[in-house]
Amino acid sequence: MPYRPLIERLDAYFHTLSPELQRAARWVRDHPAEVGLQSMRQSAQAAGVSPATMTRLAQALGLDGYEAMRRPVRTQMARSAVGRPAPDTAHVSPLARAQASNVASVDSRNDPTALAAAAQRLLEARHVLFLGLRASFGIAHHLQYSCDWLRPSTRLATDPAGAWTDQVAALEPPDLFVTVSQAPYAVQTVEAAQLASARKVPVLALTDSPLSPLARLATQSLVFDTASPAFFHSMTGAQALAEALMQAVAEQGGEPVLERLRRRQQQMQQSRAYWDRPASRRATGGAR
């Protein structure tokens, strides 16, 4: 959908929307640059609504999801840039160039149908166990944390006592084992994937090559680039792939995902998990 028809659709549907959806629609209409550049969660926070509201707005407009609403905005931004003088990239560091290339690898190295299939596996599995060791731990943690907002029965394979392998051994074929690693591959990660595969448990691998030991063991693999001029491999591509995968899960999950997002958002608000504004001196019992 081109950008102008999206704006026209927002205007045409506005009177049919609930007050909350109208608030989101008004913000989307007035802040196209932010819509194109920010994540759905960031835009929802700026609009004063929940992330689920942004998805519901897109669906109320007859679109598949938030990404379908954001796409024409980003296309318009790209077109607006055509004809402008090329930016001076002399000041851009080699690391920044490598990171940008790693992010781009998510689209260039993974077919959209493969990403959609991986998201469907995540939605259909009975239980989902995520594993990432050493440098990949943060990616696995982010995947599990994000996925838990979208569906129940997710866990991160971690245990200070070293018993996390028991969690892998407890998986059964209706479950899904999601693992993240790049060269040099952690021995324990590969052995965990071997264990899951031997138990006929589907394995979804996020890794750096179709020839990696994880990809060869996996039921399905998604790949990312790790190029870096620094000593350590870059994790930017892995993080970008993790976010793209969770976005696909959110878009394909339908009403169950939206309902879970609503409940989680309410729980976070009730527990005051995130900073909103300073509590009053009386409420906090602070000294005078």
C-alpha atoms as a PDB file:
ATOM      1  CA  MET A   1       0.000   0.000   0.000  1.00  0.00           C
ATOM      2  CA  PRO A   2       1.484   3.414  -0.954  1.00  0.00           C
ATOM      3  CA  TYR A   3       1.865   6.040   1.752  1.00  0.00           C
ATOM      4  CA  ARG A   4      -0.929   8.362   0.603  1.00  0.00           C
ATOM      5  CA  PRO A   5      -3.611   5.621   0.558  1.00  0.00           C
ATOM      6  CA  LEU A   6      -2.579   4.686   4.111  1.00  0.00           C
ATOM      7  CA  ILE A   7      -3.212   8.240   5.298  1.00  0.00           C
ATOM      8  CA  GLU A   8      -6.532   8.286   3.443  1.00  0.00           C
ATOM      9  CA  ARG A   9      -7.511   5.005   5.073  1.00  0.00           C
ATOM     10  CA  LEU A  10      -6.626   6.355   8.513  1.00  0.00           C
ATOM     11  CA  ASP A  11      -8.855   9.340   7.884  1.00  0.00           C
ATOM     12  CA  ALA A  12     -11.714   7.269   6.470  1.00  0.00           C
ATOM     13  CA  TYR A  13     -11.733   4.719   9.301  1.00  0.00           C
ATOM     14  CA  PHE A  14     -11.098   7.167  12.128  1.00  0.00           C
ATOM     15  CA  HIS A  15     -14.738   7.634  13.131  1.00  0.00           C
ATOM     16  CA  THR A  16     -15.245   3.863  13.410  1.00  0.00           C
ATOM     17  CA  LEU A  17     -12.405   3.360  15.876  1.00  0.00           C
ATOM     18  CA  SER A  18     -12.586   3.129  19.639  1.00  0.00           C
ATOM     19  CA  PRO A  19     -11.147   6.042  21.651  1.00  0.00           C
ATOM     20  CA  GLU A  20      -7.944   4.097  22.314  1.00  0.00           C
ATOM     21  CA  LEU A  21      -7.510   3.221  18.647  1.00  0.00           C
ATOM     22  CA  GLN A  22      -8.246   6.827  17.706  1.00  0.00           C
ATOM     23  CA  ARG A  23      -5.450   7.952  20.001  1.00  0.00           C
ATOM     24  CA  ALA A  24      -3.077   5.551  18.268  1.00  0.00           C
ATOM     25  CA  ALA A  25      -4.308   6.559  14.796  1.00  0.00           C
ATOM     26  CA  ARG A  26      -3.852  10.234  15.556  1.00  0.00           C
ATOM     27  CA  TRP A  27      -0.291   9.630  16.695  1.00  0.00           C
ATOM     28  CA  VAL A  28       0.542   7.512  13.619  1.00  0.00           C
ATOM     29  CA  ARG A  29      -0.882  10.213  11.352  1.00  0.00           C
ATOM     30  CA  ASP A  30       1.121  12.963  13.050  1.00  0.00           C
ATOM     31  CA  HIS A  31       4.434  11.125  13.477  1.00  0.00           C
ATOM     32  CA  PRO A  32       5.287   9.270  10.244  1.00  0.00           C
ATOM     33  CA  ALA A  33       9.053   9.532  10.794  1.00  0.00           C
ATOM     34  CA  GLU A  34       8.818   7.878  14.213  1.00  0.00           C
ATOM     35  CA  VAL A  35       6.568   5.143  12.811  1.00  0.00           C
ATOM     36  CA  GLY A  36       9.141   4.384  10.151  1.00  0.00           C
ATOM     37  CA  LEU A  37      12.162   4.383  12.447  1.00  0.00           C
ATOM     38  CA  GLN A  38      10.983   3.179  15.843  1.00  0.00           C
ATOM     39  CA  SER A  39       9.917  -0.272  16.995  1.00  0.00           C
ATOM     40  CA  MET A  40       6.236  -0.963  17.588  1.00  0.00           C
ATOM     41  CA  ARG A  41       6.821  -0.891  21.342  1.00  0.00           C
ATOM     42  CA  GLN A  42       8.578   2.485  21.190  1.00  0.00           C
ATOM     43  CA  SER A  43       5.804   3.968  19.055  1.00  0.00           C
ATOM     44  CA  ALA A  44       3.119   2.584  21.351  1.00  0.00           C
ATOM     45  CA  GLN A  45       4.843   4.108  24.364  1.00  0.00           C
ATOM     46  CA  ALA A  46       5.115   7.462  22.619  1.00  0.00           C
ATOM     47  CA  ALA A  47       1.424   7.306  21.662  1.00  0.00           C
ATOM     48  CA  GLY A  48       0.392   6.404  25.197  1.00  0.00           C
ATOM     49  CA  VAL A  49      -1.121   3.040  24.246  1.00  0.00           C
ATOM     50  CA  SER A  50      -0.130  -0.609  24.574  1.00  0.00           C
ATOM     51  CA  PRO A  51       1.801  -2.421  21.800  1.00  0.00           C
ATOM     52  CA  ALA A  52      -1.272  -4.607  21.246  1.00  0.00           C
ATOM     53  CA  THR A  53      -3.258  -1.469  20.407  1.00  0.00           C
ATOM     54  CA  MET A  54      -0.913  -0.696  17.524  1.00  0.00           C
ATOM     55  CA  THR A  55      -1.484  -4.162  16.100  1.00  0.00           C
ATOM     56  CA  ARG A  56      -5.254  -3.833  16.546  1.00  0.00           C
ATOM     57  CA  LEU A  57      -5.165  -0.472  14.765  1.00  0.00           C
ATOM     58  CA  ALA A  58      -3.499  -2.037  11.734  1.00  0.00           C
ATOM     59  CA  GLN A  59      -6.072  -4.827  11.714  1.00  0.00           C
ATOM     60  CA  ALA A  60      -8.926  -2.332  12.052  1.00  0.00           C
ATOM     61  CA  LEU A  61      -7.594  -0.709   8.888  1.00  0.00           C
ATOM     62  CA  GLY A  62      -7.766  -4.048   7.069  1.00  0.00           C
ATOM     63  CA  LEU A  63      -4.020  -4.726   7.228  1.00  0.00           C
ATOM     64  CA  ASP A  64      -2.247  -7.904   8.313  1.00  0.00           C
ATOM     65  CA  GLY A  65      -0.323  -6.285  11.147  1.00  0.00           C
ATOM     66  CA  TYR A  66       1.750  -3.373  12.352  1.00  0.00           C
ATOM     67  CA  GLU A  67       4.567  -4.075   9.897  1.00  0.00           C
ATOM     68  CA  ALA A  68       2.105  -3.782   6.987  1.00  0.00           C
ATOM     69  CA  MET A  69       1.100  -0.356   8.306  1.00  0.00           C
ATOM     70  CA  ARG A  70       4.700   0.743   8.805  1.00  0.00           C
ATOM     71  CA  ARG A  71       5.987  -0.479   5.422  1.00  0.00           C
ATOM     72  CA  PRO A  72       4.486   2.316   3.263  1.00  0.00           C
ATOM     73  CA  VAL A  73       5.842   4.910   5.679  1.00  0.00           C
ATOM     74  CA  ARG A  74       9.349   3.520   5.323  1.00  0.00           C
ATOM     75  CA  THR A  75       8.968   3.290   1.546  1.00  0.00           C
ATOM     76  CA  GLN A  76       7.927   6.936   1.412  1.00  0.00           C
ATOM     77  CA  MET A  77      10.936   7.905   3.518  1.00  0.00           C
ATOM     78  CA  ALA A  78      13.247   6.026   1.147  1.00  0.00           C
ATOM     79  CA  ARG A  79      11.702   7.702  -1.893  1.00  0.00           C
ATOM     80  CA  SER A  80      12.074  11.107  -0.283  1.00  0.00           C
ATOM     81  CA  ALA A  81      15.768  10.466   0.078  1.00  0.00           C
ATOM     82  CA  VAL A  82      16.236   9.787  -3.660  1.00  0.00           C
ATOM     83  CA  GLY A  83      17.925  12.711  -5.366  1.00  0.00           C
ATOM     84  CA  ARG A  84      19.501  14.070  -2.209  1.00  0.00           C
ATOM     85  CA  PRO A  85      23.268  14.396  -2.119  1.00  0.00           C
ATOM     86  CA  ALA A  86      24.917  11.249  -0.868  1.00  0.00           C
ATOM     87  CA  PRO A  87      25.790  11.560   2.817  1.00  0.00           C
ATOM     88  CA  ASP A  88      29.416  11.937   3.748  1.00  0.00           C
ATOM     89  CA  THR A  89      30.393   8.510   5.063  1.00  0.00           C
ATOM     90  CA  ALA A  90      34.035   9.335   5.622  1.00  0.00           C
ATOM     91  CA  HIS A  91      33.382   9.705   9.339  1.00  0.00           C
ATOM     92  CA  VAL A  92      31.576   6.355   9.620  1.00  0.00           C
ATOM     93  CA  SER A  93      33.768   3.846  11.396  1.00  0.00           C
ATOM     94  CA  PRO A  94      34.546   0.405   9.925  1.00  0.00           C
ATOM     95  CA  LEU A  95      32.708  -1.122  12.884  1.00  0.00           C
ATOM     96  CA  ALA A  96      29.560   0.876  12.121  1.00  0.00           C
ATOM     97  CA  ARG A  97      29.700  -0.196   8.471  1.00  0.00           C
ATOM     98  CA  ALA A  98      30.074  -3.829   9.519  1.00  0.00           C
ATOM     99  CA  GLN A  99      27.167  -3.557  11.935  1.00  0.00           C
ATOM    100  CA  ALA A 100      24.929  -2.069   9.254  1.00  0.00           C
ATOM    101  CA  SER A 101      25.854  -4.912   6.908  1.00  0.00           C
ATOM    102  CA  ASN A 102      25.097  -7.472   9.606  1.00  0.00           C
ATOM    103  CA  VAL A 103      21.649  -6.010  10.137  1.00  0.00           C
ATOM    104  CA  ALA A 104      21.004  -6.101   6.387  1.00  0.00           C
ATOM    105  CA  SER A 105      21.945  -9.794   6.333  1.00  0.00           C
ATOM    106  CA  VAL A 106      18.683 -10.643   8.080  1.00  0.00           C
ATOM    107  CA  ASP A 107      16.780  -9.810   4.888  1.00  0.00           C
ATOM    108  CA  SER A 108      19.410 -10.841   2.365  1.00  0.00           C
ATOM    109  CA  ARG A 109      20.125 -14.276   3.827  1.00  0.00           C
ATOM    110  CA  ASN A 110      16.659 -15.362   5.000  1.00  0.00           C
ATOM    111  CA  ASP A 111      13.666 -15.880   2.742  1.00  0.00           C
ATOM    112  CA  PRO A 112      10.484 -14.299   4.173  1.00  0.00           C
ATOM    113  CA  THR A 113       8.741 -17.671   3.966  1.00  0.00           C
ATOM    114  CA  ALA A 114      11.460 -19.207   6.143  1.00  0.00           C
ATOM    115  CA  LEU A 115      10.999 -16.511   8.759  1.00  0.00           C
ATOM    116  CA  ALA A 116       7.244 -17.028   8.672  1.00  0.00           C
ATOM    117  CA  ALA A 117       7.663 -20.791   9.037  1.00  0.00           C
ATOM    118  CA  ALA A 118       9.947 -20.334  12.033  1.00  0.00           C
ATOM    119  CA  ALA A 119       7.414 -18.009  13.648  1.00  0.00           C
ATOM    120  CA  GLN A 120       4.680 -20.587  13.093  1.00  0.00           C
ATOM    121  CA  ARG A 121       6.793 -23.251  14.780  1.00  0.00           C
ATOM    122  CA  LEU A 122       7.161 -20.985  17.782  1.00  0.00           C
ATOM    123  CA  LEU A 123       3.412 -20.443  17.943  1.00  0.00           C
ATOM    124  CA  GLU A 124       2.447 -24.102  17.557  1.00  0.00           C
ATOM    125  CA  ALA A 125       4.957 -25.759  19.911  1.00  0.00           C
ATOM    126  CA  ARG A 126       3.682 -27.032  23.258  1.00  0.00           C
ATOM    127  CA  HIS A 127       6.726 -25.750  25.165  1.00  0.00           C
ATOM    128  CA  VAL A 128       9.650 -23.674  23.857  1.00  0.00           C
ATOM    129  CA  LEU A 129      13.133 -23.831  25.388  1.00  0.00           C
ATOM    130  CA  PHE A 130      15.757 -21.239  24.398  1.00  0.00           C
ATOM    131  CA  LEU A 131      19.500 -21.758  24.739  1.00  0.00           C
ATOM    132  CA  GLY A 132      22.432 -19.480  24.075  1.00  0.00           C
ATOM    133  CA  LEU A 133      25.790 -19.720  25.813  1.00  0.00           C
ATOM    134  CA  ARG A 134      28.731 -17.352  26.141  1.00  0.00           C
ATOM    135  CA  ALA A 135      28.271 -14.388  23.753  1.00  0.00           C
ATOM    136  CA  SER A 136      24.906 -15.752  22.591  1.00  0.00           C
ATOM    137  CA  PHE A 137      23.336 -15.796  26.043  1.00  0.00           C
ATOM    138  CA  GLY A 138      22.006 -12.251  25.723  1.00  0.00           C
ATOM    139  CA  ILE A 139      20.336 -13.045  22.393  1.00  0.00           C
ATOM    140  CA  ALA A 140      18.667 -16.172  23.795  1.00  0.00           C
ATOM    141  CA  HIS A 141      17.499 -14.239  26.860  1.00  0.00           C
ATOM    142  CA  HIS A 142      16.007 -11.503  24.680  1.00  0.00           C
ATOM    143  CA  LEU A 143      14.251 -14.107  22.521  1.00  0.00           C
ATOM    144  CA  GLN A 144      12.736 -15.866  25.522  1.00  0.00           C
ATOM    145  CA  TYR A 145      11.715 -12.628  27.232  1.00  0.00           C
ATOM    146  CA  SER A 146      10.043 -11.309  24.071  1.00  0.00           C
ATOM    147  CA  CYS A 147       8.415 -14.622  23.201  1.00  0.00           C
ATOM    148  CA  ASP A 148       6.976 -14.941  26.695  1.00  0.00           C
ATOM    149  CA  TRP A 149       5.018 -11.742  26.042  1.00  0.00           C
ATOM    150  CA  LEU A 150       3.471 -13.403  22.983  1.00  0.00           C
ATOM    151  CA  ARG A 151       2.762 -17.002  24.082  1.00  0.00           C
ATOM    152  CA  PRO A 152       2.900 -19.096  27.264  1.00  0.00           C
ATOM    153  CA  SER A 153       5.208 -21.980  28.208  1.00  0.00           C
ATOM    154  CA  THR A 154       8.588 -20.533  27.266  1.00  0.00           C
ATOM    155  CA  ARG A 155      11.788 -21.026  29.265  1.00  0.00           C
ATOM    156  CA  LEU A 156      15.426 -20.016  29.109  1.00  0.00           C
ATOM    157  CA  ALA A 157      17.836 -22.928  29.594  1.00  0.00           C
ATOM    158  CA  THR A 158      19.922 -21.587  32.437  1.00  0.00           C
ATOM    159  CA  ASP A 159      20.895 -22.881  35.846  1.00  0.00           C
ATOM    160  CA  PRO A 160      23.848 -21.726  37.993  1.00  0.00           C
ATOM    161  CA  ALA A 161      24.128 -25.275  39.312  1.00  0.00           C
ATOM    162  CA  GLY A 162      24.684 -26.636  35.812  1.00  0.00           C
ATOM    163  CA  ALA A 163      21.462 -28.617  35.555  1.00  0.00           C
ATOM    164  CA  TRP A 164      20.133 -26.800  32.479  1.00  0.00           C
ATOM    165  CA  THR A 165      20.863 -29.874  30.347  1.00  0.00           C
ATOM    166  CA  ASP A 166      18.093 -31.622  32.284  1.00  0.00           C
ATOM    167  CA  GLN A 167      15.666 -29.115  30.770  1.00  0.00           C
ATOM    168  CA  VAL A 168      16.809 -30.118  27.280  1.00  0.00           C
ATOM    169  CA  ALA A 169      16.510 -33.818  28.147  1.00  0.00           C
ATOM    170  CA  ALA A 170      12.925 -33.244  29.329  1.00  0.00           C
ATOM    171  CA  LEU A 171      11.792 -31.956  25.923  1.00  0.00           C
ATOM    172  CA  GLU A 172       9.489 -34.107  23.788  1.00  0.00           C
ATOM    173  CA  PRO A 173       8.508 -34.010  20.085  1.00  0.00           C
ATOM    174  CA  PRO A 174       5.569 -31.582  20.603  1.00  0.00           C
ATOM    175  CA  ASP A 175       8.056 -29.049  22.029  1.00  0.00           C
ATOM    176  CA  LEU A 176      10.594 -26.801  20.301  1.00  0.00           C
ATOM    177  CA  PHE A 177      14.266 -26.212  21.098  1.00  0.00           C
ATOM    178  CA  VAL A 178      15.575 -22.820  19.938  1.00  0.00           C
ATOM    179  CA  THR A 179      19.334 -22.351  20.040  1.00  0.00           C
ATOM    180  CA  VAL A 180      21.676 -19.495  19.145  1.00  0.00           C
ATOM    181  CA  SER A 181      25.398 -19.724  18.385  1.00  0.00           C
ATOM    182  CA  GLN A 182      28.085 -18.579  15.956  1.00  0.00           C
ATOM    183  CA  ALA A 183      31.680 -19.578  15.308  1.00  0.00           C
ATOM    184  CA  PRO A 184      33.469 -20.618  17.402  1.00  0.00           C
ATOM    185  CA  TYR A 185      30.531 -22.767  18.476  1.00  0.00           C
ATOM    186  CA  ALA A 186      30.177 -23.625  22.160  1.00  0.00           C
ATOM    187  CA  VAL A 187      30.567 -27.377  22.659  1.00  0.00           C
ATOM    188  CA  GLN A 188      27.682 -27.513  25.155  1.00  0.00           C
ATOM    189  CA  THR A 189      25.366 -25.778  22.701  1.00  0.00           C
ATOM    190  CA  VAL A 190      26.103 -28.283  19.937  1.00  0.00           C
ATOM    191  CA  GLU A 191      25.739 -31.213  22.342  1.00  0.00           C
ATOM    192  CA  ALA A 192      22.395 -29.871  23.559  1.00  0.00           C
ATOM    193  CA  ALA A 193      21.174 -29.648  19.948  1.00  0.00           C
ATOM    194  CA  GLN A 194      22.374 -33.219  19.397  1.00  0.00           C
ATOM    195  CA  LEU A 195      20.428 -34.366  22.440  1.00  0.00           C
ATOM    196  CA  ALA A 196      17.247 -32.628  21.315  1.00  0.00           C
ATOM    197  CA  SER A 197      17.595 -33.982  17.780  1.00  0.00           C
ATOM    198  CA  ALA A 198      18.129 -37.526  19.096  1.00  0.00           C
ATOM    199  CA  ARG A 199      14.885 -37.182  21.049  1.00  0.00           C
ATOM    200  CA  LYS A 200      13.084 -36.179  17.812  1.00  0.00           C
ATOM    201  CA  VAL A 201      12.481 -32.680  19.198  1.00  0.00           C
ATOM    202  CA  PRO A 202      12.346 -29.983  16.475  1.00  0.00           C
ATOM    203  CA  VAL A 203      15.360 -27.676  16.632  1.00  0.00           C
ATOM    204  CA  LEU A 204      15.274 -24.082  15.398  1.00  0.00           C
ATOM    205  CA  ALA A 205      18.795 -22.694  15.056  1.00  0.00           C
ATOM    206  CA  LEU A 206      19.817 -19.055  14.735  1.00  0.00           C
ATOM    207  CA  THR A 207      23.401 -19.263  13.524  1.00  0.00           C
ATOM    208  CA  ASP A 208      25.971 -17.757  11.206  1.00  0.00           C
ATOM    209  CA  SER A 209      26.139 -20.350   8.407  1.00  0.00           C
ATOM    210  CA  PRO A 210      24.028 -23.077   6.782  1.00  0.00           C
ATOM    211  CA  LEU A 211      27.083 -25.277   7.301  1.00  0.00           C
ATOM    212  CA  SER A 212      27.411 -24.641  11.029  1.00  0.00           C
ATOM    213  CA  PRO A 213      27.026 -27.711  13.283  1.00  0.00           C
ATOM    214  CA  LEU A 214      23.778 -26.277  14.612  1.00  0.00           C
ATOM    215  CA  ALA A 215      22.296 -25.765  11.152  1.00  0.00           C
ATOM    216  CA  ARG A 216      23.177 -29.332  10.189  1.00  0.00           C
ATOM    217  CA  LEU A 217      21.361 -30.648  13.282  1.00  0.00           C
ATOM    218  CA  ALA A 218      18.390 -28.284  13.089  1.00  0.00           C
ATOM    219  CA  THR A 219      14.945 -28.904  11.707  1.00  0.00           C
ATOM    220  CA  GLN A 220      15.122 -25.311  10.467  1.00  0.00           C
ATOM    221  CA  SER A 221      17.815 -22.661  10.625  1.00  0.00           C
ATOM    222  CA  LEU A 222      17.922 -18.887  10.164  1.00  0.00           C
ATOM    223  CA  VAL A 223      21.245 -17.178   9.543  1.00  0.00           C
ATOM    224  CA  PHE A 224      22.944 -13.872  10.302  1.00  0.00           C
ATOM    225  CA  ASP A 225      26.301 -12.233   9.579  1.00  0.00           C
ATOM    226  CA  THR A 226      28.885 -11.586  12.298  1.00  0.00           C
ATOM    227  CA  ALA A 227      31.515  -9.502  10.449  1.00  0.00           C
ATOM    228  CA  SER A 228      33.530  -7.075  12.553  1.00  0.00           C
ATOM    229  CA  PRO A 229      36.899  -5.330  12.289  1.00  0.00           C
ATOM    230  CA  ALA A 230      37.248  -5.739  16.062  1.00  0.00           C
ATOM    231  CA  PHE A 231      38.577  -8.755  17.942  1.00  0.00           C
ATOM    232  CA  PHE A 232      35.101 -10.064  18.837  1.00  0.00           C
ATOM    233  CA  HIS A 233      32.461 -11.111  16.349  1.00  0.00           C
ATOM    234  CA  SER A 234      29.564  -8.681  16.065  1.00  0.00           C
ATOM    235  CA  MET A 235      26.243  -9.724  17.654  1.00  0.00           C
ATOM    236  CA  THR A 236      24.297  -7.013  15.814  1.00  0.00           C
ATOM    237  CA  GLY A 237      23.055  -9.398  13.115  1.00  0.00           C
ATOM    238  CA  ALA A 238      21.932 -11.970  15.673  1.00  0.00           C
ATOM    239  CA  GLN A 239      20.001  -9.314  17.608  1.00  0.00           C
ATOM    240  CA  ALA A 240      18.372  -8.015  14.427  1.00  0.00           C
ATOM    241  CA  LEU A 241      17.353 -11.552  13.446  1.00  0.00           C
ATOM    242  CA  ALA A 242      15.897 -12.195  16.902  1.00  0.00           C
ATOM    243  CA  GLU A 243      13.791  -9.033  16.658  1.00  0.00           C
ATOM    244  CA  ALA A 244      12.606  -9.891  13.145  1.00  0.00           C
ATOM    245  CA  LEU A 245      11.575 -13.361  14.319  1.00  0.00           C
ATOM    246  CA  MET A 246       9.595 -12.008  17.273  1.00  0.00           C
ATOM    247  CA  GLN A 247       7.926  -9.459  15.007  1.00  0.00           C
ATOM    248  CA  ALA A 248       6.789 -12.321  12.751  1.00  0.00           C
ATOM    249  CA  VAL A 249       5.457 -14.223  15.775  1.00  0.00           C
ATOM    250  CA  ALA A 250       3.501 -11.164  16.901  1.00  0.00           C
ATOM    251  CA  GLU A 251       1.988 -10.622  13.463  1.00  0.00           C
ATOM    252  CA  GLN A 252       1.055 -14.272  12.881  1.00  0.00           C
ATOM    253  CA  GLY A 253      -0.271 -14.967  16.370  1.00  0.00           C
ATOM    254  CA  GLY A 254      -3.659 -13.362  15.887  1.00  0.00           C
ATOM    255  CA  GLU A 255      -6.076 -12.737  18.734  1.00  0.00           C
ATOM    256  CA  PRO A 256      -4.388 -15.094  21.269  1.00  0.00           C
ATOM    257  CA  VAL A 257      -1.212 -13.023  21.016  1.00  0.00           C
ATOM    258  CA  LEU A 258      -3.124  -9.763  21.319  1.00  0.00           C
ATOM    259  CA  GLU A 259      -4.973 -11.025  24.380  1.00  0.00           C
ATOM    260  CA  ARG A 260      -1.747 -12.159  26.017  1.00  0.00           C
ATOM    261  CA  LEU A 261      -0.149  -8.790  25.285  1.00  0.00           C
ATOM    262  CA  ARG A 262      -3.115  -7.043  26.894  1.00  0.00           C
ATOM    263  CA  ARG A 263      -2.861  -9.183  30.031  1.00  0.00           C
ATOM    264  CA  ARG A 264       0.899  -8.743  30.316  1.00  0.00           C
ATOM    265  CA  GLN A 265       0.614  -4.999  29.839  1.00  0.00           C
ATOM    266  CA  GLN A 266      -1.978  -4.839  32.622  1.00  0.00           C
ATOM    267  CA  GLN A 267       0.257  -6.911  34.895  1.00  0.00           C
ATOM    268  CA  MET A 268       3.197  -4.601  34.277  1.00  0.00           C
ATOM    269  CA  GLN A 269       1.093  -1.522  35.005  1.00  0.00           C
ATOM    270  CA  GLN A 270      -0.395  -3.002  38.179  1.00  0.00           C
ATOM    271  CA  SER A 271       2.993  -4.078  39.503  1.00  0.00           C
ATOM    272  CA  ARG A 272       4.566  -0.734  38.526  1.00  0.00           C
ATOM    273  CA  ALA A 273       7.353  -2.623  36.773  1.00  0.00           C
ATOM    274  CA  TYR A 274       8.416   0.372  34.683  1.00  0.00           C
ATOM    275  CA  TRP A 275       9.263   3.896  35.732  1.00  0.00           C
ATOM    276  CA  ASP A 276       6.393   6.280  35.163  1.00  0.00           C
ATOM    277  CA  ARG A 277       6.748   9.227  37.554  1.00  0.00           C
ATOM    278  CA  PRO A 278       8.240   9.747  41.003  1.00  0.00           C
ATOM    279  CA  ALA A 279       5.999   8.616  43.820  1.00  0.00           C
ATOM    280  CA  SER A 280       4.930  11.260  46.287  1.00  0.00           C
ATOM    281  CA  ARG A 281       7.025  11.772  49.397  1.00  0.00           C
ATOM    282  CA  ARG A 282       4.118  10.568  51.491  1.00  0.00           C
ATOM    283  CA  ALA A 283       3.680   7.390  49.455  1.00  0.00           C
ATOM    284  CA  THR A 284       7.343   6.483  49.655  1.00  0.00           C
ATOM    285  CA  GLY A 285       7.682   7.343  53.321  1.00  0.00           C
ATOM    286  CA  GLY A 286      10.685   9.533  52.577  1.00  0.00           C
ATOM    287  CA  ALA A 287      12.236  11.643  55.281  1.00  0.00           C
ATOM    288  CA  ARG A 288      11.236  15.259  55.441  1.00  0.00           C
END
